Amino acid sequence: MSVSRVPLPPSHFPRINVQRVAKGAILHRTHAAGFRPAEFNPCKGQPTRFAPFTDAEGQCVPTLYAATTREAAAFESIFHDIEPTAPFKTVRLDVVESRSVSAIAPKRDLMVAGLFAPDLKAWGLSRGELIDTPKSSYGQTVLWAQAIHRTGSDLDGLIWTSRQCDPDQGLVLFGDRVGEADFDVHDRIDASADASLLLELRNFGRRAGITIVA
């Protein structure tokens, strides 16, 4: 699939369509086992589509990625970098076992910027210019997260249809607007210690032709 070049965000950002993530809504995460279920990433690790970035004062904005289903959380993390055209789609077992799967729920409504197709169209964008883009574009796509954060001071984050596992949704939340204490933790399961979870993750991968190998 051809992917369009990512344009720069406008200097005067247009109207942002806001979505509500309801208090108590279950959000799923597949995260490094060293992180707590609702712990925000303090701008460490590899660049992602919408992080890391800094605020108007140049300070790091911690972020938390989540998804609306456990399957989408897995595809947006452990299966994220597998190319559809790869002849052999595999993930090492030790990579999977280094992860934890958590379910968290906000204690208040979260207000997030919608990045769905109609919202992007209002900005003159297509999914191919922001959401359906390769890793090589992350230096450009993150500028949109930064611009939205700086424009919408009342926004808690962003929401979009997962590129990896549609029609489920992905979210990134801003750690200077919402924090770990704003979530209830429903569960946390370490993949290395739960055979049923590992089987579930294997089945998620099989759906896409991905095999977890020792």
N, C-alpha and C. Protein backbone atom coordinates (compact mmCIF):
# COMPACT_ATOMS: atom_id res chain seq x y z
N MET A 1 0.85 -1.20 0.00
CA MET A 1 0.00 0.00 0.00
C MET A 1 0.88 1.24 0.00
N SER A 2 0.61 2.16 -0.91
CA SER A 2 1.37 3.40 -0.93
C SER A 2 0.90 4.29 0.21
N VAL A 3 1.85 4.98 0.81
CA VAL A 3 1.54 5.82 1.96
C VAL A 3 1.93 7.25 1.64
N SER A 4 1.04 8.16 1.92
CA SER A 4 1.29 9.56 1.63
C SER A 4 2.31 10.15 2.61
N ARG A 5 2.98 11.20 2.17
CA ARG A 5 3.88 11.94 3.04
C ARG A 5 3.08 12.60 4.15
N VAL A 6 3.65 12.64 5.35
CA VAL A 6 2.97 13.26 6.49
C VAL A 6 3.17 14.77 6.42
N PRO A 7 2.10 15.53 6.30
CA PRO A 7 2.26 16.99 6.28
C PRO A 7 2.52 17.53 7.68
N LEU A 8 3.05 18.73 7.75
CA LEU A 8 3.24 19.38 9.03
C LEU A 8 1.90 19.88 9.56
N PRO A 9 1.71 19.84 10.89
CA PRO A 9 0.48 20.41 11.44
C PRO A 9 0.44 21.92 11.18
N PRO A 10 -0.76 22.48 11.02
CA PRO A 10 -0.86 23.92 10.74
C PRO A 10 -0.46 24.75 11.95
N SER A 11 0.06 25.94 11.70
CA SER A 11 0.49 26.81 12.79
C SER A 11 -0.71 27.28 13.62
N HIS A 12 -1.84 27.49 12.96
CA HIS A 12 -3.09 27.79 13.67
C HIS A 12 -3.97 26.56 13.55
N PHE A 13 -4.00 25.76 14.63
CA PHE A 13 -4.62 24.45 14.53
C PHE A 13 -6.14 24.59 14.41
N PRO A 14 -6.76 23.81 13.50
CA PRO A 14 -8.21 23.91 13.31
C PRO A 14 -8.99 23.29 14.47
N ARG A 15 -10.29 23.40 14.38
CA ARG A 15 -11.17 22.85 15.41
C ARG A 15 -10.90 21.36 15.62
N ILE A 16 -10.88 20.95 16.88
CA ILE A 16 -10.64 19.55 17.23
C ILE A 16 -11.96 18.91 17.66
N ASN A 17 -12.31 17.80 17.03
CA ASN A 17 -13.51 17.06 17.43
C ASN A 17 -13.17 16.19 18.64
N VAL A 18 -13.92 16.36 19.69
CA VAL A 18 -13.60 15.71 20.96
C VAL A 18 -14.51 14.50 21.19
N GLN A 19 -13.90 13.42 21.62
CA GLN A 19 -14.61 12.19 21.97
C GLN A 19 -14.52 12.00 23.49
N ARG A 20 -15.50 11.29 24.04
CA ARG A 20 -15.51 11.01 25.47
C ARG A 20 -15.27 9.53 25.72
N VAL A 21 -14.28 9.22 26.55
CA VAL A 21 -14.09 7.86 27.06
C VAL A 21 -14.72 7.85 28.45
N ALA A 22 -15.77 7.08 28.61
CA ALA A 22 -16.59 7.17 29.81
C ALA A 22 -15.88 6.64 31.05
N LYS A 23 -16.16 7.25 32.16
CA LYS A 23 -15.71 6.75 33.45
C LYS A 23 -16.08 5.27 33.57
N GLY A 24 -15.12 4.45 33.97
CA GLY A 24 -15.36 3.02 34.15
C GLY A 24 -15.15 2.18 32.91
N ALA A 25 -14.92 2.80 31.75
CA ALA A 25 -14.68 2.03 30.53
C ALA A 25 -13.39 1.22 30.67
N ILE A 26 -13.44 -0.04 30.29
CA ILE A 26 -12.27 -0.90 30.42
C ILE A 26 -11.31 -0.64 29.27
N LEU A 27 -10.07 -0.33 29.60
CA LEU A 27 -9.00 -0.14 28.63
C LEU A 27 -7.96 -1.23 28.85
N HIS A 28 -7.42 -1.73 27.76
CA HIS A 28 -6.49 -2.86 27.82
C HIS A 28 -5.09 -2.42 27.43
N ARG A 29 -4.11 -3.02 28.10
CA ARG A 29 -2.71 -2.70 27.83
C ARG A 29 -1.90 -4.00 27.76
N THR A 30 -0.93 -4.04 26.85
CA THR A 30 0.10 -5.08 26.85
C THR A 30 1.41 -4.33 26.96
N HIS A 31 2.02 -4.37 28.13
CA HIS A 31 3.14 -3.48 28.44
C HIS A 31 4.32 -4.27 29.01
N ALA A 32 5.48 -3.63 29.02
CA ALA A 32 6.66 -4.26 29.62
C ALA A 32 6.36 -4.62 31.07
N ALA A 33 6.81 -5.81 31.49
CA ALA A 33 6.49 -6.30 32.83
C ALA A 33 7.01 -5.38 33.93
N GLY A 34 8.00 -4.55 33.62
CA GLY A 34 8.54 -3.63 34.61
C GLY A 34 7.66 -2.43 34.90
N PHE A 35 6.61 -2.24 34.09
CA PHE A 35 5.69 -1.13 34.30
C PHE A 35 4.46 -1.58 35.08
N ARG A 36 3.92 -0.69 35.89
CA ARG A 36 2.65 -0.94 36.56
C ARG A 36 1.50 -0.79 35.55
N PRO A 37 0.32 -1.35 35.85
CA PRO A 37 -0.77 -1.35 34.87
C PRO A 37 -1.14 0.03 34.34
N ALA A 38 -1.12 1.06 35.18
CA ALA A 38 -1.51 2.41 34.76
C ALA A 38 -0.34 3.38 34.82
N GLU A 39 0.87 2.85 34.71
CA GLU A 39 2.05 3.71 34.78
C GLU A 39 2.32 4.34 33.42
N PHE A 40 2.59 5.63 33.40
CA PHE A 40 2.89 6.36 32.18
C PHE A 40 4.37 6.25 31.84
N ASN A 41 4.66 6.24 30.56
CA ASN A 41 6.05 6.19 30.09
C ASN A 41 6.64 7.59 30.12
N PRO A 42 7.73 7.79 30.88
CA PRO A 42 8.33 9.13 30.99
C PRO A 42 9.29 9.44 29.84
N CYS A 43 8.81 9.31 28.60
CA CYS A 43 9.60 9.64 27.40
C CYS A 43 10.83 8.75 27.24
N LYS A 44 10.71 7.50 27.63
CA LYS A 44 11.82 6.55 27.46
C LYS A 44 11.46 5.51 26.42
N GLY A 45 12.49 4.85 25.88
CA GLY A 45 12.25 3.81 24.90
C GLY A 45 12.22 4.35 23.47
N GLN A 46 11.76 3.48 22.57
CA GLN A 46 11.75 3.81 21.16
C GLN A 46 10.63 4.80 20.82
N PRO A 47 10.84 5.63 19.80
CA PRO A 47 9.77 6.53 19.35
C PRO A 47 8.56 5.73 18.89
N THR A 48 7.38 6.31 19.09
CA THR A 48 6.13 5.73 18.61
C THR A 48 5.41 6.78 17.76
N ARG A 49 4.26 6.40 17.27
CA ARG A 49 3.53 7.31 16.37
C ARG A 49 3.22 8.65 17.04
N PHE A 50 2.89 8.63 18.33
CA PHE A 50 2.46 9.86 18.99
C PHE A 50 3.24 10.17 20.27
N ALA A 51 4.42 9.63 20.42
CA ALA A 51 5.25 9.90 21.59
C ALA A 51 6.70 9.50 21.28
N PRO A 52 7.67 10.09 21.97
CA PRO A 52 7.52 11.13 22.99
C PRO A 52 7.51 12.53 22.37
N PHE A 53 6.99 13.47 23.15
CA PHE A 53 7.02 14.87 22.72
C PHE A 53 7.08 15.75 23.96
N THR A 54 7.30 17.03 23.75
CA THR A 54 7.42 17.98 24.86
C THR A 54 6.29 19.00 24.80
N ASP A 55 6.03 19.61 25.95
CA ASP A 55 5.01 20.65 26.01
C ASP A 55 5.59 21.99 25.57
N ALA A 56 4.82 23.05 25.70
CA ALA A 56 5.25 24.37 25.23
C ALA A 56 6.47 24.89 25.99
N GLU A 57 6.71 24.36 27.21
CA GLU A 57 7.87 24.76 28.00
C GLU A 57 9.07 23.84 27.78
N GLY A 58 8.92 22.89 26.89
CA GLY A 58 10.02 21.98 26.59
C GLY A 58 10.13 20.80 27.54
N GLN A 59 9.09 20.57 28.37
CA GLN A 59 9.12 19.46 29.32
C GLN A 59 8.49 18.21 28.69
N CYS A 60 9.07 17.06 29.01
CA CYS A 60 8.54 15.79 28.53
C CYS A 60 7.10 15.61 28.99
N VAL A 61 6.25 15.15 28.09
CA VAL A 61 4.88 14.77 28.44
C VAL A 61 4.81 13.25 28.52
N PRO A 62 4.70 12.67 29.71
CA PRO A 62 4.57 11.22 29.81
C PRO A 62 3.32 10.76 29.07
N THR A 63 3.36 9.53 28.56
CA THR A 63 2.23 9.02 27.80
C THR A 63 1.90 7.59 28.20
N LEU A 64 0.66 7.20 27.96
CA LEU A 64 0.20 5.84 28.21
C LEU A 64 -0.61 5.40 27.01
N TYR A 65 -0.20 4.29 26.40
CA TYR A 65 -0.95 3.71 25.29
C TYR A 65 -1.90 2.65 25.82
N ALA A 66 -3.09 2.57 25.24
CA ALA A 66 -4.07 1.56 25.60
C ALA A 66 -4.92 1.26 24.38
N ALA A 67 -5.79 0.25 24.51
CA ALA A 67 -6.69 -0.11 23.43
C ALA A 67 -8.02 -0.54 24.02
N THR A 68 -9.03 -0.63 23.16
CA THR A 68 -10.36 -0.96 23.64
C THR A 68 -10.59 -2.46 23.76
N THR A 69 -9.67 -3.29 23.26
CA THR A 69 -9.74 -4.73 23.45
C THR A 69 -8.35 -5.27 23.75
N ARG A 70 -8.32 -6.46 24.36
CA ARG A 70 -7.03 -7.10 24.65
C ARG A 70 -6.32 -7.48 23.36
N GLU A 71 -7.08 -7.91 22.36
CA GLU A 71 -6.47 -8.29 21.09
C GLU A 71 -5.79 -7.09 20.44
N ALA A 72 -6.48 -5.94 20.41
CA ALA A 72 -5.87 -4.75 19.81
C ALA A 72 -4.63 -4.32 20.58
N ALA A 73 -4.66 -4.45 21.90
CA ALA A 73 -3.48 -4.10 22.70
C ALA A 73 -2.30 -4.98 22.33
N ALA A 74 -2.56 -6.26 22.05
CA ALA A 74 -1.48 -7.17 21.64
C ALA A 74 -0.93 -6.80 20.27
N PHE A 75 -1.84 -6.48 19.33
CA PHE A 75 -1.38 -6.13 17.99
C PHE A 75 -0.68 -4.78 17.95
N GLU A 76 -1.01 -3.90 18.88
CA GLU A 76 -0.35 -2.60 18.92
C GLU A 76 0.96 -2.64 19.72
N SER A 77 1.34 -3.81 20.19
CA SER A 77 2.57 -3.93 20.97
C SER A 77 3.41 -5.10 20.48
N ILE A 78 3.14 -6.31 20.93
CA ILE A 78 4.03 -7.43 20.61
C ILE A 78 4.00 -7.83 19.14
N PHE A 79 2.89 -7.58 18.44
CA PHE A 79 2.80 -7.93 17.01
C PHE A 79 2.95 -6.71 16.11
N HIS A 80 3.27 -5.58 16.69
CA HIS A 80 3.19 -4.30 15.98
C HIS A 80 4.11 -4.21 14.77
N ASP A 81 5.35 -4.70 14.90
CA ASP A 81 6.36 -4.43 13.88
C ASP A 81 6.48 -5.52 12.83
N ILE A 82 5.56 -6.46 12.80
CA ILE A 82 5.61 -7.52 11.80
C ILE A 82 4.96 -7.04 10.51
N GLU A 83 5.72 -7.05 9.44
CA GLU A 83 5.21 -6.56 8.16
C GLU A 83 4.24 -7.57 7.55
N PRO A 84 3.15 -7.10 6.98
CA PRO A 84 2.18 -8.01 6.37
C PRO A 84 2.77 -8.88 5.27
N THR A 85 3.80 -8.37 4.58
CA THR A 85 4.38 -9.11 3.46
C THR A 85 5.52 -10.03 3.86
N ALA A 86 5.86 -10.06 5.14
CA ALA A 86 6.97 -10.93 5.59
C ALA A 86 6.64 -12.39 5.29
N PRO A 87 7.59 -13.16 4.70
CA PRO A 87 7.31 -14.56 4.37
C PRO A 87 7.13 -15.42 5.61
N PHE A 88 7.84 -15.09 6.67
CA PHE A 88 7.72 -15.81 7.93
C PHE A 88 7.39 -14.80 9.03
N LYS A 89 6.21 -14.87 9.57
CA LYS A 89 5.76 -13.93 10.59
C LYS A 89 5.91 -14.60 11.96
N THR A 90 6.94 -14.20 12.70
CA THR A 90 7.20 -14.83 13.99
C THR A 90 7.53 -13.79 15.04
N VAL A 91 7.25 -14.16 16.29
CA VAL A 91 7.64 -13.38 17.47
C VAL A 91 8.27 -14.36 18.45
N ARG A 92 9.39 -13.97 19.04
CA ARG A 92 10.07 -14.86 19.98
C ARG A 92 9.26 -14.99 21.27
N LEU A 93 9.26 -16.17 21.82
CA LEU A 93 8.53 -16.43 23.06
C LEU A 93 9.04 -15.56 24.20
N ASP A 94 10.36 -15.34 24.27
CA ASP A 94 10.89 -14.54 25.38
C ASP A 94 10.42 -13.09 25.30
N VAL A 95 10.16 -12.60 24.08
CA VAL A 95 9.61 -11.25 23.92
C VAL A 95 8.20 -11.20 24.49
N VAL A 96 7.40 -12.21 24.19
CA VAL A 96 6.02 -12.27 24.70
C VAL A 96 6.04 -12.40 26.22
N GLU A 97 6.92 -13.25 26.73
CA GLU A 97 6.94 -13.49 28.17
C GLU A 97 7.51 -12.32 28.96
N SER A 98 8.07 -11.34 28.27
CA SER A 98 8.55 -10.13 28.96
C SER A 98 7.45 -9.11 29.15
N ARG A 99 6.23 -9.46 28.72
CA ARG A 99 5.12 -8.52 28.75
C ARG A 99 4.10 -8.90 29.83
N SER A 100 3.34 -7.90 30.25
CA SER A 100 2.19 -8.10 31.12
C SER A 100 0.96 -7.57 30.41
N VAL A 101 -0.17 -8.15 30.71
CA VAL A 101 -1.45 -7.72 30.15
C VAL A 101 -2.28 -7.17 31.31
N SER A 102 -2.77 -5.95 31.15
CA SER A 102 -3.53 -5.29 32.22
C SER A 102 -4.83 -4.73 31.68
N ALA A 103 -5.79 -4.60 32.59
CA ALA A 103 -7.06 -3.93 32.29
C ALA A 103 -7.26 -2.84 33.33
N ILE A 104 -7.46 -1.62 32.85
CA ILE A 104 -7.63 -0.47 33.74
C ILE A 104 -8.88 0.29 33.34
N ALA A 105 -9.39 1.11 34.24
CA ALA A 105 -10.59 1.91 33.95
C ALA A 105 -10.45 3.28 34.57
N PRO A 106 -10.74 4.34 33.80
CA PRO A 106 -10.63 5.69 34.36
C PRO A 106 -11.69 5.95 35.42
N LYS A 107 -11.30 6.72 36.43
CA LYS A 107 -12.23 7.09 37.50
C LYS A 107 -13.06 8.31 37.15
N ARG A 108 -12.80 8.91 36.01
CA ARG A 108 -13.58 10.04 35.51
C ARG A 108 -13.65 9.94 34.00
N ASP A 109 -14.56 10.68 33.40
CA ASP A 109 -14.62 10.74 31.94
C ASP A 109 -13.31 11.34 31.42
N LEU A 110 -12.83 10.80 30.32
CA LEU A 110 -11.65 11.33 29.65
C LEU A 110 -12.09 11.97 28.33
N MET A 111 -11.58 13.16 28.07
CA MET A 111 -11.89 13.87 26.83
C MET A 111 -10.67 13.78 25.91
N VAL A 112 -10.88 13.18 24.74
CA VAL A 112 -9.76 12.89 23.84
C VAL A 112 -10.07 13.40 22.44
N ALA A 113 -9.02 13.75 21.72
CA ALA A 113 -9.17 14.23 20.35
C ALA A 113 -9.43 13.04 19.43
N GLY A 114 -10.51 13.12 18.63
CA GLY A 114 -10.82 12.07 17.69
C GLY A 114 -9.94 12.16 16.45
N LEU A 115 -9.31 11.03 16.11
CA LEU A 115 -8.50 10.94 14.89
C LEU A 115 -9.11 9.91 13.95
N PHE A 116 -10.43 9.84 13.91
CA PHE A 116 -11.13 8.96 13.00
C PHE A 116 -11.21 9.62 11.62
N ALA A 117 -11.59 8.85 10.62
CA ALA A 117 -11.56 9.35 9.24
C ALA A 117 -12.30 10.67 9.06
N PRO A 118 -13.53 10.85 9.59
CA PRO A 118 -14.19 12.15 9.40
C PRO A 118 -13.44 13.30 10.08
N ASP A 119 -12.85 13.03 11.25
CA ASP A 119 -12.09 14.08 11.95
C ASP A 119 -10.86 14.48 11.16
N LEU A 120 -10.18 13.48 10.59
CA LEU A 120 -8.99 13.78 9.78
C LEU A 120 -9.39 14.53 8.50
N LYS A 121 -10.50 14.12 7.92
CA LYS A 121 -10.95 14.77 6.69
C LYS A 121 -11.21 16.26 6.92
N ALA A 122 -11.72 16.60 8.11
CA ALA A 122 -11.97 18.00 8.43
C ALA A 122 -10.68 18.81 8.43
N TRP A 123 -9.55 18.13 8.68
CA TRP A 123 -8.24 18.79 8.65
C TRP A 123 -7.56 18.66 7.30
N GLY A 124 -8.24 18.05 6.32
CA GLY A 124 -7.65 17.85 5.01
C GLY A 124 -6.68 16.69 4.98
N LEU A 125 -6.82 15.75 5.92
CA LEU A 125 -5.93 14.60 6.01
C LEU A 125 -6.65 13.30 5.70
N SER A 126 -5.90 12.31 5.28
CA SER A 126 -6.40 10.94 5.17
C SER A 126 -5.69 10.08 6.21
N ARG A 127 -6.22 8.88 6.45
CA ARG A 127 -5.54 7.95 7.37
C ARG A 127 -4.12 7.65 6.89
N GLY A 128 -3.94 7.61 5.57
CA GLY A 128 -2.62 7.31 5.02
C GLY A 128 -1.58 8.38 5.28
N GLU A 129 -2.03 9.55 5.77
CA GLU A 129 -1.10 10.62 6.08
C GLU A 129 -0.80 10.75 7.57
N LEU A 130 -1.49 9.97 8.42
CA LEU A 130 -1.25 10.09 9.86
C LEU A 130 -1.30 8.75 10.59
N ILE A 131 -2.31 7.93 10.30
CA ILE A 131 -2.50 6.68 11.04
C ILE A 131 -1.85 5.50 10.32
N ASP A 132 -2.08 5.37 9.02
CA ASP A 132 -1.57 4.22 8.25
C ASP A 132 -0.20 4.55 7.67
N THR A 133 0.72 4.91 8.54
CA THR A 133 2.06 5.30 8.10
C THR A 133 3.11 4.39 8.76
N PRO A 134 4.28 4.21 8.13
CA PRO A 134 5.31 3.32 8.68
C PRO A 134 6.09 3.98 9.82
N LYS A 135 6.91 3.16 10.48
CA LYS A 135 7.74 3.65 11.58
C LYS A 135 8.63 4.80 11.16
N SER A 136 9.05 4.78 9.90
CA SER A 136 9.96 5.83 9.42
C SER A 136 9.33 7.22 9.47
N SER A 137 8.01 7.29 9.63
CA SER A 137 7.32 8.57 9.65
C SER A 137 7.07 9.10 11.06
N TYR A 138 7.48 8.35 12.10
CA TYR A 138 7.13 8.73 13.47
C TYR A 138 7.66 10.10 13.87
N GLY A 139 8.77 10.51 13.28
CA GLY A 139 9.29 11.84 13.59
C GLY A 139 8.36 12.95 13.12
N GLN A 140 7.50 12.64 12.14
CA GLN A 140 6.53 13.61 11.64
C GLN A 140 5.16 13.45 12.31
N THR A 141 4.71 12.19 12.50
CA THR A 141 3.38 11.99 13.09
C THR A 141 3.34 12.49 14.53
N VAL A 142 4.46 12.38 15.25
CA VAL A 142 4.46 12.83 16.65
C VAL A 142 4.23 14.34 16.75
N LEU A 143 4.56 15.07 15.70
CA LEU A 143 4.34 16.52 15.73
C LEU A 143 2.85 16.85 15.81
N TRP A 144 2.01 15.97 15.27
CA TRP A 144 0.56 16.18 15.37
C TRP A 144 0.08 15.98 16.80
N ALA A 145 0.61 14.98 17.49
CA ALA A 145 0.26 14.80 18.90
C ALA A 145 0.69 16.01 19.71
N GLN A 146 1.88 16.51 19.44
CA GLN A 146 2.38 17.68 20.15
C GLN A 146 1.50 18.91 19.88
N ALA A 147 1.13 19.11 18.62
CA ALA A 147 0.30 20.27 18.25
C ALA A 147 -1.08 20.17 18.89
N ILE A 148 -1.67 18.99 18.88
CA ILE A 148 -2.99 18.82 19.49
C ILE A 148 -2.91 19.04 20.99
N HIS A 149 -1.87 18.52 21.62
CA HIS A 149 -1.68 18.72 23.06
C HIS A 149 -1.57 20.20 23.39
N ARG A 150 -0.80 20.94 22.61
CA ARG A 150 -0.59 22.36 22.90
C ARG A 150 -1.82 23.20 22.58
N THR A 151 -2.64 22.74 21.63
CA THR A 151 -3.84 23.50 21.24
C THR A 151 -4.99 23.23 22.19
N GLY A 152 -5.22 21.96 22.50
CA GLY A 152 -6.35 21.58 23.34
C GLY A 152 -5.94 21.37 24.77
N SER A 153 -5.90 22.43 25.55
CA SER A 153 -5.40 22.34 26.93
C SER A 153 -6.29 21.51 27.83
N ASP A 154 -7.52 21.25 27.38
CA ASP A 154 -8.44 20.44 28.18
C ASP A 154 -8.50 18.99 27.73
N LEU A 155 -7.66 18.61 26.77
CA LEU A 155 -7.68 17.26 26.23
C LEU A 155 -6.79 16.32 27.04
N ASP A 156 -7.29 15.10 27.26
CA ASP A 156 -6.54 14.07 28.00
C ASP A 156 -5.73 13.17 27.08
N GLY A 157 -5.98 13.23 25.78
CA GLY A 157 -5.25 12.35 24.87
C GLY A 157 -5.87 12.30 23.50
N LEU A 158 -5.58 11.21 22.77
CA LEU A 158 -6.03 11.00 21.40
C LEU A 158 -6.67 9.62 21.28
N ILE A 159 -7.58 9.46 20.33
CA ILE A 159 -8.18 8.15 20.05
C ILE A 159 -8.35 7.98 18.55
N TRP A 160 -8.17 6.76 18.05
CA TRP A 160 -8.24 6.48 16.62
C TRP A 160 -8.59 5.01 16.41
N THR A 161 -8.92 4.66 15.19
CA THR A 161 -9.14 3.26 14.84
C THR A 161 -7.79 2.60 14.63
N SER A 162 -7.56 1.50 15.34
CA SER A 162 -6.28 0.81 15.29
C SER A 162 -5.89 0.45 13.86
N ARG A 163 -4.68 0.77 13.50
CA ARG A 163 -4.14 0.35 12.21
C ARG A 163 -3.90 -1.15 12.20
N GLN A 164 -3.55 -1.68 13.36
CA GLN A 164 -3.15 -3.08 13.46
C GLN A 164 -4.33 -4.03 13.65
N CYS A 165 -5.43 -3.54 14.24
CA CYS A 165 -6.52 -4.43 14.64
C CYS A 165 -7.86 -3.69 14.57
N ASP A 166 -8.22 -3.27 13.33
CA ASP A 166 -9.52 -2.61 13.20
C ASP A 166 -10.65 -3.64 13.39
N PRO A 167 -11.82 -3.24 13.82
CA PRO A 167 -12.30 -1.89 14.06
C PRO A 167 -12.09 -1.41 15.49
N ASP A 168 -11.22 -2.10 16.25
CA ASP A 168 -10.95 -1.69 17.62
C ASP A 168 -10.19 -0.36 17.62
N GLN A 169 -10.12 0.24 18.79
CA GLN A 169 -9.57 1.58 18.87
C GLN A 169 -8.32 1.62 19.75
N GLY A 170 -7.40 2.49 19.39
CA GLY A 170 -6.21 2.74 20.19
C GLY A 170 -6.28 4.13 20.79
N LEU A 171 -5.60 4.29 21.92
CA LEU A 171 -5.56 5.58 22.60
C LEU A 171 -4.15 5.87 23.08
N VAL A 172 -3.82 7.14 23.15
CA VAL A 172 -2.65 7.58 23.90
C VAL A 172 -3.12 8.70 24.82
N LEU A 173 -2.73 8.62 26.08
CA LEU A 173 -3.16 9.60 27.08
C LEU A 173 -1.97 10.44 27.53
N PHE A 174 -2.23 11.69 27.87
CA PHE A 174 -1.20 12.65 28.24
C PHE A 174 -1.02 12.66 29.76
N GLY A 175 0.18 12.38 30.22
CA GLY A 175 0.45 12.23 31.64
C GLY A 175 0.46 13.53 32.43
N ASP A 176 0.41 14.67 31.76
CA ASP A 176 0.29 15.94 32.49
C ASP A 176 -1.17 16.37 32.64
N ARG A 177 -2.09 15.58 32.09
CA ARG A 177 -3.52 15.87 32.19
C ARG A 177 -4.26 14.79 32.98
N VAL A 178 -3.78 13.58 32.90
CA VAL A 178 -4.38 12.44 33.60
C VAL A 178 -3.22 11.58 34.10
N GLY A 179 -3.37 10.99 35.28
CA GLY A 179 -2.26 10.27 35.88
C GLY A 179 -2.64 8.88 36.36
N GLU A 180 -1.66 8.17 36.86
CA GLU A 180 -1.85 6.80 37.32
C GLU A 180 -2.96 6.69 38.36
N ALA A 181 -3.05 7.69 39.25
CA ALA A 181 -4.05 7.67 40.31
C ALA A 181 -5.47 7.84 39.79
N ASP A 182 -5.63 8.21 38.52
CA ASP A 182 -6.95 8.41 37.94
C ASP A 182 -7.55 7.13 37.38
N PHE A 183 -6.90 5.98 37.64
CA PHE A 183 -7.38 4.71 37.10
C PHE A 183 -7.58 3.68 38.21
N ASP A 184 -8.61 2.88 38.04
CA ASP A 184 -8.75 1.64 38.80
C ASP A 184 -8.10 0.52 38.01
N VAL A 185 -7.40 -0.37 38.69
CA VAL A 185 -6.77 -1.52 38.04
C VAL A 185 -7.67 -2.73 38.24
N HIS A 186 -8.13 -3.31 37.13
CA HIS A 186 -9.00 -4.48 37.21
C HIS A 186 -8.20 -5.77 37.27
N ASP A 187 -7.12 -5.85 36.51
CA ASP A 187 -6.25 -7.02 36.62
C ASP A 187 -4.91 -6.74 35.96
N ARG A 188 -3.97 -7.59 36.30
CA ARG A 188 -2.66 -7.59 35.66
C ARG A 188 -2.19 -9.03 35.64
N ILE A 189 -1.83 -9.51 34.45
CA ILE A 189 -1.39 -10.89 34.28
C ILE A 189 -0.04 -10.87 33.57
N ASP A 190 0.93 -11.55 34.15
CA ASP A 190 2.24 -11.69 33.51
C ASP A 190 2.20 -12.85 32.52
N ALA A 191 2.57 -12.59 31.28
CA ALA A 191 2.52 -13.64 30.26
C ALA A 191 3.42 -14.83 30.61
N SER A 192 4.50 -14.57 31.33
CA SER A 192 5.42 -15.64 31.68
C SER A 192 4.87 -16.59 32.73
N ALA A 193 3.78 -16.19 33.39
CA ALA A 193 3.27 -16.98 34.52
C ALA A 193 1.86 -17.50 34.30
N ASP A 194 1.31 -17.33 33.11
CA ASP A 194 -0.09 -17.72 32.90
C ASP A 194 -0.23 -18.42 31.55
N ALA A 195 -0.41 -19.74 31.59
CA ALA A 195 -0.47 -20.53 30.36
C ALA A 195 -1.70 -20.18 29.53
N SER A 196 -2.82 -19.86 30.17
CA SER A 196 -4.04 -19.54 29.42
C SER A 196 -3.89 -18.21 28.68
N LEU A 197 -3.21 -17.25 29.30
CA LEU A 197 -2.96 -15.98 28.62
C LEU A 197 -2.04 -16.20 27.43
N LEU A 198 -1.00 -16.99 27.61
CA LEU A 198 -0.07 -17.26 26.51
C LEU A 198 -0.81 -17.92 25.35
N LEU A 199 -1.71 -18.85 25.64
CA LEU A 199 -2.50 -19.49 24.59
C LEU A 199 -3.37 -18.45 23.88
N GLU A 200 -3.97 -17.55 24.64
CA GLU A 200 -4.79 -16.50 24.05
C GLU A 200 -3.97 -15.63 23.11
N LEU A 201 -2.77 -15.26 23.53
CA LEU A 201 -1.90 -14.45 22.68
C LEU A 201 -1.47 -15.22 21.43
N ARG A 202 -1.21 -16.51 21.58
CA ARG A 202 -0.88 -17.33 20.41
C ARG A 202 -2.04 -17.32 19.41
N ASN A 203 -3.26 -17.43 19.92
CA ASN A 203 -4.42 -17.44 19.03
C ASN A 203 -4.63 -16.10 18.36
N PHE A 204 -4.36 -15.00 19.07
CA PHE A 204 -4.40 -13.69 18.43
C PHE A 204 -3.43 -13.66 17.25
N GLY A 205 -2.22 -14.12 17.48
CA GLY A 205 -1.21 -14.12 16.42
C GLY A 205 -1.59 -14.99 15.25
N ARG A 206 -2.14 -16.18 15.52
CA ARG A 206 -2.51 -17.10 14.44
C ARG A 206 -3.52 -16.47 13.47
N ARG A 207 -4.38 -15.63 14.02
CA ARG A 207 -5.36 -14.95 13.17
C ARG A 207 -4.67 -14.18 12.05
N ALA A 208 -3.49 -13.64 12.32
CA ALA A 208 -2.73 -12.86 11.33
C ALA A 208 -1.58 -13.67 10.72
N GLY A 209 -1.57 -14.97 10.96
CA GLY A 209 -0.49 -15.79 10.42
C GLY A 209 0.82 -15.64 11.17
N ILE A 210 0.75 -15.18 12.40
CA ILE A 210 1.95 -14.95 13.21
C ILE A 210 2.13 -16.10 14.19
N THR A 211 3.35 -16.62 14.28
CA THR A 211 3.65 -17.73 15.18
C THR A 211 4.60 -17.26 16.27
N ILE A 212 4.29 -17.62 17.50
CA ILE A 212 5.20 -17.37 18.62
C ILE A 212 6.14 -18.56 18.72
N VAL A 213 7.44 -18.29 18.58
CA VAL A 213 8.43 -19.36 18.53
C VAL A 213 9.40 -19.27 19.70
N ALA A 214 9.87 -20.43 20.16
CA ALA A 214 10.82 -20.46 21.29
C ALA A 214 12.18 -19.98 20.83
